[in-house]
């Protein structure tokens, strides 16, 4: 079955760190643009960070710039989101996504995506930042 399988997440205190992982199953992530999105209760899904298929271009939302890092390991067919200096406002369900049709990573990240906008989505994982 072709899918993205997420792991990581959980409860962390403000100022703490977490790393999210997203494994591609049944297909290779080579050439796919990748992204991390999040959705807080009562809010629309928003882009957090995106990376081009080559890995040379990245985009970060202003709210996470300098704190979050997106990366990919094509040898492991996995993408990551390292989250440092977490804040309560980072609390949300986080989703990974992959798509072959993306033209720009900024375009991928600034849209409010629907499920059909990207080829693959992860199942989502809860991140809660609270003391």
Foldseek 3Di string as FASTA:
>chain_A
DWAKAKDKADEAAAQAKIKIKIATPPDFLQQWKKFKWWDAPPGFIATAKIAGNVRPDMDGDPVQPPFWDWDDDRVRRMIMIIGGRDDQVVWTWMKMFIANPDDDRVVVGGDRDDPVPGDYMYPTDTHGYHD
